[in-house]
Amino acid sequence: MAGCQAPSQDIVAPAAVGGLGGAAIGAAVGGDLQGALIGGAIGAGAGALLGAATSRPGECVYRDGRGQRYVARCPDGYR
């Protein structure tokens, strides 16, 4: 086992992707910075919600020596 992280830490990536996508769409639709900011905020919120909804309590994401990720039960006492 090369590392362990809780799935709840995976909220950041979906939030970032949602924020970037929302900003792009907001800028394209609104044509200004305000549209990009509003779209980015909405996209980041939606991405964070999606990331949180896909996490599984009591399970951790591990990475093996080859860099492959897999999900398994967290060690006893791990929060």
PDB file of N, CA and C in Angstrom:
ATOM      1  N   MET A   1       0.849  -1.161   0.000  1.00  0.00           N
ATOM      2  CA  MET A   1       0.000   0.000   0.000  1.00  0.00           C
ATOM      3  C   MET A   1       0.905   1.238   0.000  1.00  0.00           C
ATOM      4  N   ALA A   2       0.746   2.066  -1.002  1.00  0.00           N
ATOM      5  CA  ALA A   2       1.565   3.263  -1.115  1.00  0.00           C
ATOM      6  C   ALA A   2       0.936   4.464  -0.431  1.00  0.00           C
ATOM      7  N   GLY A   3      -0.363   4.451  -0.233  1.00  0.00           N
ATOM      8  CA  GLY A   3      -1.005   5.592   0.410  1.00  0.00           C
ATOM      9  C   GLY A   3      -2.471   5.330   0.643  1.00  0.00           C
ATOM     10  N   CYS A   4      -3.075   6.131   1.484  1.00  0.00           N
ATOM     11  CA  CYS A   4      -4.492   6.000   1.787  1.00  0.00           C
ATOM     12  C   CYS A   4      -5.081   7.385   1.928  1.00  0.00           C
ATOM     13  N   GLN A   5      -6.281   7.567   1.419  1.00  0.00           N
ATOM     14  CA  GLN A   5      -6.985   8.820   1.633  1.00  0.00           C
ATOM     15  C   GLN A   5      -8.470   8.521   1.724  1.00  0.00           C
ATOM     16  N   ALA A   6      -9.168   9.339   2.464  1.00  0.00           N
ATOM     17  CA  ALA A   6     -10.608   9.170   2.600  1.00  0.00           C
ATOM     18  C   ALA A   6     -11.287   9.653   1.329  1.00  0.00           C
ATOM     19  N   PRO A   7     -12.323   8.959   0.868  1.00  0.00           N
ATOM     20  CA  PRO A   7     -13.010   9.402  -0.349  1.00  0.00           C
ATOM     21  C   PRO A   7     -13.552  10.817  -0.251  1.00  0.00           C
ATOM     22  N   SER A   8     -13.858  11.291   0.951  1.00  0.00           N
ATOM     23  CA  SER A   8     -14.396  12.640   1.084  1.00  0.00           C
ATOM     24  C   SER A   8     -13.399  13.700   0.626  1.00  0.00           C
ATOM     25  N   GLN A   9     -12.104  13.368   0.587  1.00  0.00           N
ATOM     26  CA  GLN A   9     -11.110  14.301   0.083  1.00  0.00           C
ATOM     27  C   GLN A   9     -11.189  14.429  -1.433  1.00  0.00           C
ATOM     28  N   ASP A  10     -11.935  13.569  -2.079  1.00  0.00           N
ATOM     29  CA  ASP A  10     -12.087  13.622  -3.529  1.00  0.00           C
ATOM     30  C   ASP A  10     -13.143  14.627  -3.958  1.00  0.00           C
ATOM     31  N   ILE A  11     -13.592  15.458  -3.066  1.00  0.00           N
ATOM     32  CA  ILE A  11     -14.578  16.487  -3.397  1.00  0.00           C
ATOM     33  C   ILE A  11     -13.917  17.627  -4.165  1.00  0.00           C
ATOM     34  N   VAL A  12     -12.648  17.852  -3.925  1.00  0.00           N
ATOM     35  CA  VAL A  12     -11.954  18.992  -4.515  1.00  0.00           C
ATOM     36  C   VAL A  12     -11.892  18.892  -6.040  1.00  0.00           C
ATOM     37  N   ALA A  13     -11.572  17.728  -6.579  1.00  0.00           N
ATOM     38  CA  ALA A  13     -11.452  17.584  -8.032  1.00  0.00           C
ATOM     39  C   ALA A  13     -12.780  17.826  -8.751  1.00  0.00           C
ATOM     40  N   PRO A  14     -13.892  17.198  -8.321  1.00  0.00           N
ATOM     41  CA  PRO A  14     -15.153  17.508  -9.007  1.00  0.00           C
ATOM     42  C   PRO A  14     -15.561  18.974  -8.868  1.00  0.00           C
ATOM     43  N   ALA A  15     -15.252  19.584  -7.727  1.00  0.00           N
ATOM     44  CA  ALA A  15     -15.579  21.001  -7.543  1.00  0.00           C
ATOM     45  C   ALA A  15     -14.769  21.872  -8.507  1.00  0.00           C
ATOM     46  N   ALA A  16     -13.492  21.546  -8.678  1.00  0.00           N
ATOM     47  CA  ALA A  16     -12.646  22.313  -9.593  1.00  0.00           C
ATOM     48  C   ALA A  16     -13.118  22.166 -11.038  1.00  0.00           C
ATOM     49  N   VAL A  17     -13.431  20.943 -11.443  1.00  0.00           N
ATOM     50  CA  VAL A  17     -13.912  20.713 -12.803  1.00  0.00           C
ATOM     51  C   VAL A  17     -15.246  21.427 -13.024  1.00  0.00           C
ATOM     52  N   GLY A  18     -16.135  21.326 -12.049  1.00  0.00           N
ATOM     53  CA  GLY A  18     -17.419  22.014 -12.155  1.00  0.00           C
ATOM     54  C   GLY A  18     -17.257  23.520 -12.206  1.00  0.00           C
ATOM     55  N   GLY A  19     -16.329  24.035 -11.407  1.00  0.00           N
ATOM     56  CA  GLY A  19     -16.083  25.474 -11.406  1.00  0.00           C
ATOM     57  C   GLY A  19     -15.538  25.975 -12.728  1.00  0.00           C
ATOM     58  N   LEU A  20     -14.586  25.235 -13.300  1.00  0.00           N
ATOM     59  CA  LEU A  20     -14.027  25.639 -14.595  1.00  0.00           C
ATOM     60  C   LEU A  20     -15.073  25.552 -15.703  1.00  0.00           C
ATOM     61  N   GLY A  21     -15.826  24.453 -15.702  1.00  0.00           N
ATOM     62  CA  GLY A  21     -16.877  24.303 -16.714  1.00  0.00           C
ATOM     63  C   GLY A  21     -17.954  25.355 -16.571  1.00  0.00           C
ATOM     64  N   GLY A  22     -18.358  25.614 -15.342  1.00  0.00           N
ATOM     65  CA  GLY A  22     -19.373  26.631 -15.104  1.00  0.00           C
ATOM     66  C   GLY A  22     -18.900  28.014 -15.495  1.00  0.00           C
ATOM     67  N   ALA A  23     -17.635  28.314 -15.230  1.00  0.00           N
ATOM     68  CA  ALA A  23     -17.087  29.618 -15.613  1.00  0.00           C
ATOM     69  C   ALA A  23     -17.063  29.771 -17.125  1.00  0.00           C
ATOM     70  N   ALA A  24     -16.682  28.719 -17.828  1.00  0.00           N
ATOM     71  CA  ALA A  24     -16.653  28.774 -19.293  1.00  0.00           C
ATOM     72  C   ALA A  24     -18.055  28.980 -19.860  1.00  0.00           C
ATOM     73  N   ILE A  25     -19.009  28.235 -19.341  1.00  0.00           N
ATOM     74  CA  ILE A  25     -20.388  28.372 -19.829  1.00  0.00           C
ATOM     75  C   ILE A  25     -20.947  29.749 -19.458  1.00  0.00           C
ATOM     76  N   GLY A  26     -20.686  30.180 -18.229  1.00  0.00           N
ATOM     77  CA  GLY A  26     -21.162  31.496 -17.800  1.00  0.00           C
ATOM     78  C   GLY A  26     -20.589  32.623 -18.634  1.00  0.00           C
ATOM     79  N   ALA A  27     -19.311  32.522 -18.976  1.00  0.00           N
ATOM     80  CA  ALA A  27     -18.687  33.550 -19.802  1.00  0.00           C
ATOM     81  C   ALA A  27     -19.255  33.534 -21.219  1.00  0.00           C
ATOM     82  N   ALA A  28     -19.504  32.331 -21.743  1.00  0.00           N
ATOM     83  CA  ALA A  28     -20.050  32.223 -23.096  1.00  0.00           C
ATOM     84  C   ALA A  28     -21.481  32.750 -23.169  1.00  0.00           C
ATOM     85  N   VAL A  29     -22.271  32.450 -22.162  1.00  0.00           N
ATOM     86  CA  VAL A  29     -23.675  32.877 -22.161  1.00  0.00           C
ATOM     87  C   VAL A  29     -23.794  34.354 -21.802  1.00  0.00           C
ATOM     88  N   GLY A  30     -23.111  34.756 -20.726  1.00  0.00           N
ATOM     89  CA  GLY A  30     -23.218  36.139 -20.263  1.00  0.00           C
ATOM     90  C   GLY A  30     -22.332  37.111 -21.015  1.00  0.00           C
ATOM     91  N   GLY A  31     -21.230  36.614 -21.544  1.00  0.00           N
ATOM     92  CA  GLY A  31     -20.324  37.451 -22.304  1.00  0.00           C
ATOM     93  C   GLY A  31     -19.485  38.407 -21.466  1.00  0.00           C
ATOM     94  N   ASP A  32     -19.457  38.196 -20.149  1.00  0.00           N
ATOM     95  CA  ASP A  32     -18.677  39.095 -19.302  1.00  0.00           C
ATOM     96  C   ASP A  32     -18.134  38.357 -18.089  1.00  0.00           C
ATOM     97  N   LEU A  33     -17.364  39.072 -17.286  1.00  0.00           N
ATOM     98  CA  LEU A  33     -16.747  38.484 -16.100  1.00  0.00           C
ATOM     99  C   LEU A  33     -17.791  38.065 -15.072  1.00  0.00           C
ATOM    100  N   GLN A  34     -18.845  38.849 -14.921  1.00  0.00           N
ATOM    101  CA  GLN A  34     -19.881  38.516 -13.941  1.00  0.00           C
ATOM    102  C   GLN A  34     -20.528  37.165 -14.267  1.00  0.00           C
ATOM    103  N   GLY A  35     -20.802  36.905 -15.529  1.00  0.00           N
ATOM    104  CA  GLY A  35     -21.368  35.613 -15.926  1.00  0.00           C
ATOM    105  C   GLY A  35     -20.412  34.472 -15.627  1.00  0.00           C
ATOM    106  N   ALA A  36     -19.110  34.715 -15.855  1.00  0.00           N
ATOM    107  CA  ALA A  36     -18.104  33.685 -15.572  1.00  0.00           C
ATOM    108  C   ALA A  36     -18.030  33.400 -14.080  1.00  0.00           C
ATOM    109  N   LEU A  37     -18.086  34.450 -13.250  1.00  0.00           N
ATOM    110  CA  LEU A  37     -18.021  34.249 -11.806  1.00  0.00           C
ATOM    111  C   LEU A  37     -19.247  33.512 -11.272  1.00  0.00           C
ATOM    112  N   ILE A  38     -20.412  33.898 -11.755  1.00  0.00           N
ATOM    113  CA  ILE A  38     -21.639  33.224 -11.313  1.00  0.00           C
ATOM    114  C   ILE A  38     -21.638  31.769 -11.774  1.00  0.00           C
ATOM    115  N   GLY A  39     -21.293  31.533 -13.035  1.00  0.00           N
ATOM    116  CA  GLY A  39     -21.229  30.158 -13.551  1.00  0.00           C
ATOM    117  C   GLY A  39     -20.197  29.319 -12.827  1.00  0.00           C
ATOM    118  N   GLY A  40     -19.051  29.922 -12.509  1.00  0.00           N
ATOM    119  CA  GLY A  40     -18.010  29.200 -11.777  1.00  0.00           C
ATOM    120  C   GLY A  40     -18.459  28.812 -10.383  1.00  0.00           C
ATOM    121  N   ALA A  41     -19.147  29.730  -9.704  1.00  0.00           N
ATOM    122  CA  ALA A  41     -19.627  29.432  -8.350  1.00  0.00           C
ATOM    123  C   ALA A  41     -20.676  28.327  -8.372  1.00  0.00           C
ATOM    124  N   ILE A  42     -21.596  28.406  -9.311  1.00  0.00           N
ATOM    125  CA  ILE A  42     -22.631  27.371  -9.411  1.00  0.00           C
ATOM    126  C   ILE A  42     -22.009  26.027  -9.785  1.00  0.00           C
ATOM    127  N   GLY A  43     -21.083  26.042 -10.735  1.00  0.00           N
ATOM    128  CA  GLY A  43     -20.422  24.808 -11.151  1.00  0.00           C
ATOM    129  C   GLY A  43     -19.596  24.177 -10.043  1.00  0.00           C
ATOM    130  N   ALA A  44     -18.891  24.998  -9.275  1.00  0.00           N
ATOM    131  CA  ALA A  44     -18.081  24.472  -8.169  1.00  0.00           C
ATOM    132  C   ALA A  44     -18.974  23.856  -7.097  1.00  0.00           C
ATOM    133  N   GLY A  45     -20.077  24.515  -6.798  1.00  0.00           N
ATOM    134  CA  GLY A  45     -21.017  23.961  -5.812  1.00  0.00           C
ATOM    135  C   GLY A  45     -21.608  22.645  -6.271  1.00  0.00           C
ATOM    136  N   ALA A  46     -22.008  22.600  -7.533  1.00  0.00           N
ATOM    137  CA  ALA A  46     -22.579  21.355  -8.063  1.00  0.00           C
ATOM    138  C   ALA A  46     -21.541  20.237  -8.084  1.00  0.00           C
ATOM    139  N   GLY A  47     -20.305  20.563  -8.452  1.00  0.00           N
ATOM    140  CA  GLY A  47     -19.242  19.554  -8.457  1.00  0.00           C
ATOM    141  C   GLY A  47     -18.940  19.022  -7.071  1.00  0.00           C
ATOM    142  N   ALA A  48     -18.934  19.916  -6.086  1.00  0.00           N
ATOM    143  CA  ALA A  48     -18.687  19.479  -4.705  1.00  0.00           C
ATOM    144  C   ALA A  48     -19.812  18.582  -4.217  1.00  0.00           C
ATOM    145  N   LEU A  49     -21.050  18.929  -4.546  1.00  0.00           N
ATOM    146  CA  LEU A  49     -22.180  18.076  -4.154  1.00  0.00           C
ATOM    147  C   LEU A  49     -22.090  16.705  -4.815  1.00  0.00           C
ATOM    148  N   LEU A  50     -21.732  16.685  -6.076  1.00  0.00           N
ATOM    149  CA  LEU A  50     -21.592  15.408  -6.783  1.00  0.00           C
ATOM    150  C   LEU A  50     -20.462  14.586  -6.182  1.00  0.00           C
ATOM    151  N   GLY A  51     -19.344  15.225  -5.876  1.00  0.00           N
ATOM    152  CA  GLY A  51     -18.224  14.509  -5.251  1.00  0.00           C
ATOM    153  C   GLY A  51     -18.592  13.945  -3.898  1.00  0.00           C
ATOM    154  N   ALA A  52     -19.341  14.707  -3.110  1.00  0.00           N
ATOM    155  CA  ALA A  52     -19.761  14.234  -1.787  1.00  0.00           C
ATOM    156  C   ALA A  52     -20.757  13.089  -1.898  1.00  0.00           C
ATOM    157  N   ALA A  53     -21.603  13.129  -2.913  1.00  0.00           N
ATOM    158  CA  ALA A  53     -22.619  12.093  -3.074  1.00  0.00           C
ATOM    159  C   ALA A  53     -22.009  10.761  -3.496  1.00  0.00           C
ATOM    160  N   THR A  54     -20.853  10.799  -4.123  1.00  0.00           N
ATOM    161  CA  THR A  54     -20.243   9.554  -4.588  1.00  0.00           C
ATOM    162  C   THR A  54     -19.283   8.942  -3.580  1.00  0.00           C
ATOM    163  N   SER A  55     -19.024   9.637  -2.461  1.00  0.00           N
ATOM    164  CA  SER A  55     -18.144   9.055  -1.452  1.00  0.00           C
ATOM    165  C   SER A  55     -18.890   7.971  -0.676  1.00  0.00           C
ATOM    166  N   ARG A  56     -18.157   7.012  -0.187  1.00  0.00           N
ATOM    167  CA  ARG A  56     -18.741   5.889   0.535  1.00  0.00           C
ATOM    168  C   ARG A  56     -18.175   5.837   1.939  1.00  0.00           C
ATOM    169  N   PRO A  57     -19.008   6.135   2.956  1.00  0.00           N
ATOM    170  CA  PRO A  57     -18.521   6.110   4.335  1.00  0.00           C
ATOM    171  C   PRO A  57     -17.959   4.740   4.708  1.00  0.00           C
ATOM    172  N   GLY A  58     -16.846   4.744   5.424  1.00  0.00           N
ATOM    173  CA  GLY A  58     -16.238   3.496   5.870  1.00  0.00           C
ATOM    174  C   GLY A  58     -15.328   2.853   4.847  1.00  0.00           C
ATOM    175  N   GLU A  59     -15.196   3.474   3.676  1.00  0.00           N
ATOM    176  CA  GLU A  59     -14.317   2.938   2.649  1.00  0.00           C
ATOM    177  C   GLU A  59     -13.249   3.975   2.324  1.00  0.00           C
ATOM    178  N   CYS A  60     -12.044   3.506   2.065  1.00  0.00           N
ATOM    179  CA  CYS A  60     -10.922   4.370   1.729  1.00  0.00           C
ATOM    180  C   CYS A  60     -10.462   4.082   0.311  1.00  0.00           C
ATOM    181  N   VAL A  61      -9.831   5.071  -0.271  1.00  0.00           N
ATOM    182  CA  VAL A  61      -9.237   4.907  -1.592  1.00  0.00           C
ATOM    183  C   VAL A  61      -7.747   4.688  -1.382  1.00  0.00           C
ATOM    184  N   TYR A  62      -7.246   3.590  -1.885  1.00  0.00           N
ATOM    185  CA  TYR A  62      -5.836   3.226  -1.748  1.00  0.00           C
ATOM    186  C   TYR A  62      -5.153   3.330  -3.107  1.00  0.00           C
ATOM    187  N   ARG A  63      -3.829   3.457  -3.077  1.00  0.00           N
ATOM    188  CA  ARG A  63      -3.040   3.458  -4.299  1.00  0.00           C
ATOM    189  C   ARG A  63      -1.925   2.426  -4.111  1.00  0.00           C
ATOM    190  N   ASP A  64      -1.852   1.475  -5.031  1.00  0.00           N
ATOM    191  CA  ASP A  64      -0.833   0.441  -4.904  1.00  0.00           C
ATOM    192  C   ASP A  64       0.502   0.927  -5.463  1.00  0.00           C
ATOM    193  N   GLY A  65       1.499   0.082  -5.450  1.00  0.00           N
ATOM    194  CA  GLY A  65       2.840   0.443  -5.891  1.00  0.00           C
ATOM    195  C   GLY A  65       2.934   0.843  -7.352  1.00  0.00           C
ATOM    196  N   ARG A  66       1.966   0.406  -8.180  1.00  0.00           N
ATOM    197  CA  ARG A  66       1.944   0.771  -9.599  1.00  0.00           C
ATOM    198  C   ARG A  66       1.134   2.036  -9.856  1.00  0.00           C
ATOM    199  N   GLY A  67       0.567   2.631  -8.780  1.00  0.00           N
ATOM    200  CA  GLY A  67      -0.211   3.847  -8.939  1.00  0.00           C
ATOM    201  C   GLY A  67      -1.689   3.614  -9.205  1.00  0.00           C
ATOM    202  N   GLN A  68      -2.118   2.358  -9.218  1.00  0.00           N
ATOM    203  CA  GLN A  68      -3.529   2.044  -9.451  1.00  0.00           C
ATOM    204  C   GLN A  68      -4.332   2.332  -8.200  1.00  0.00           C
ATOM    205  N   ARG A  69      -5.492   2.943  -8.365  1.00  0.00           N
ATOM    206  CA  ARG A  69      -6.371   3.239  -7.228  1.00  0.00           C
ATOM    207  C   ARG A  69      -7.400   2.134  -7.065  1.00  0.00           C
ATOM    208  N   TYR A  70      -7.725   1.832  -5.810  1.00  0.00           N
ATOM    209  CA  TYR A  70      -8.799   0.883  -5.523  1.00  0.00           C
ATOM    210  C   TYR A  70      -9.456   1.269  -4.208  1.00  0.00           C
ATOM    211  N   VAL A  71     -10.697   0.848  -4.031  1.00  0.00           N
ATOM    212  CA  VAL A  71     -11.482   1.175  -2.842  1.00  0.00           C
ATOM    213  C   VAL A  71     -11.628  -0.074  -2.002  1.00  0.00           C
ATOM    214  N   ALA A  72     -11.375   0.060  -0.700  1.00  0.00           N
ATOM    215  CA  ALA A  72     -11.531  -1.045   0.244  1.00  0.00           C
ATOM    216  C   ALA A  72     -11.903  -0.474   1.602  1.00  0.00           C
ATOM    217  N   ARG A  73     -12.272  -1.352   2.512  1.00  0.00           N
ATOM    218  CA  ARG A  73     -12.656  -0.951   3.872  1.00  0.00           C
ATOM    219  C   ARG A  73     -11.476  -0.231   4.535  1.00  0.00           C
ATOM    220  N   CYS A  74     -11.780   0.857   5.253  1.00  0.00           N
ATOM    221  CA  CYS A  74     -10.742   1.603   5.963  1.00  0.00           C
ATOM    222  C   CYS A  74     -10.210   0.779   7.138  1.00  0.00           C
ATOM    223  N   PRO A  75      -8.959   1.033   7.539  1.00  0.00           N
ATOM    224  CA  PRO A  75      -8.421   0.333   8.701  1.00  0.00           C
ATOM    225  C   PRO A  75      -9.218   0.671   9.964  1.00  0.00           C
ATOM    226  N   ASP A  76      -9.228  -0.251  10.904  1.00  0.00           N
ATOM    227  CA  ASP A  76      -9.929  -0.016  12.176  1.00  0.00           C
ATOM    228  C   ASP A  76      -9.379   1.240  12.833  1.00  0.00           C
ATOM    229  N   GLY A  77     -10.266   2.085  13.323  1.00  0.00           N
ATOM    230  CA  GLY A  77      -9.876   3.310  13.998  1.00  0.00           C
ATOM    231  C   GLY A  77      -9.584   4.479  13.081  1.00  0.00           C
ATOM    232  N   TYR A  78      -9.631   4.269  11.763  1.00  0.00           N
ATOM    233  CA  TYR A  78      -9.372   5.349  10.820  1.00  0.00           C
ATOM    234  C   TYR A  78     -10.609   6.201  10.660  1.00  0.00           C
ATOM    235  N   ARG A  79     -10.451   7.517  10.664  1.00  0.00           N
ATOM    236  CA  ARG A  79     -11.606   8.409  10.527  1.00  0.00           C
ATOM    237  C   ARG A  79     -11.503   9.174   9.252  1.00  0.00           C
TER     238      ARG A  79
END
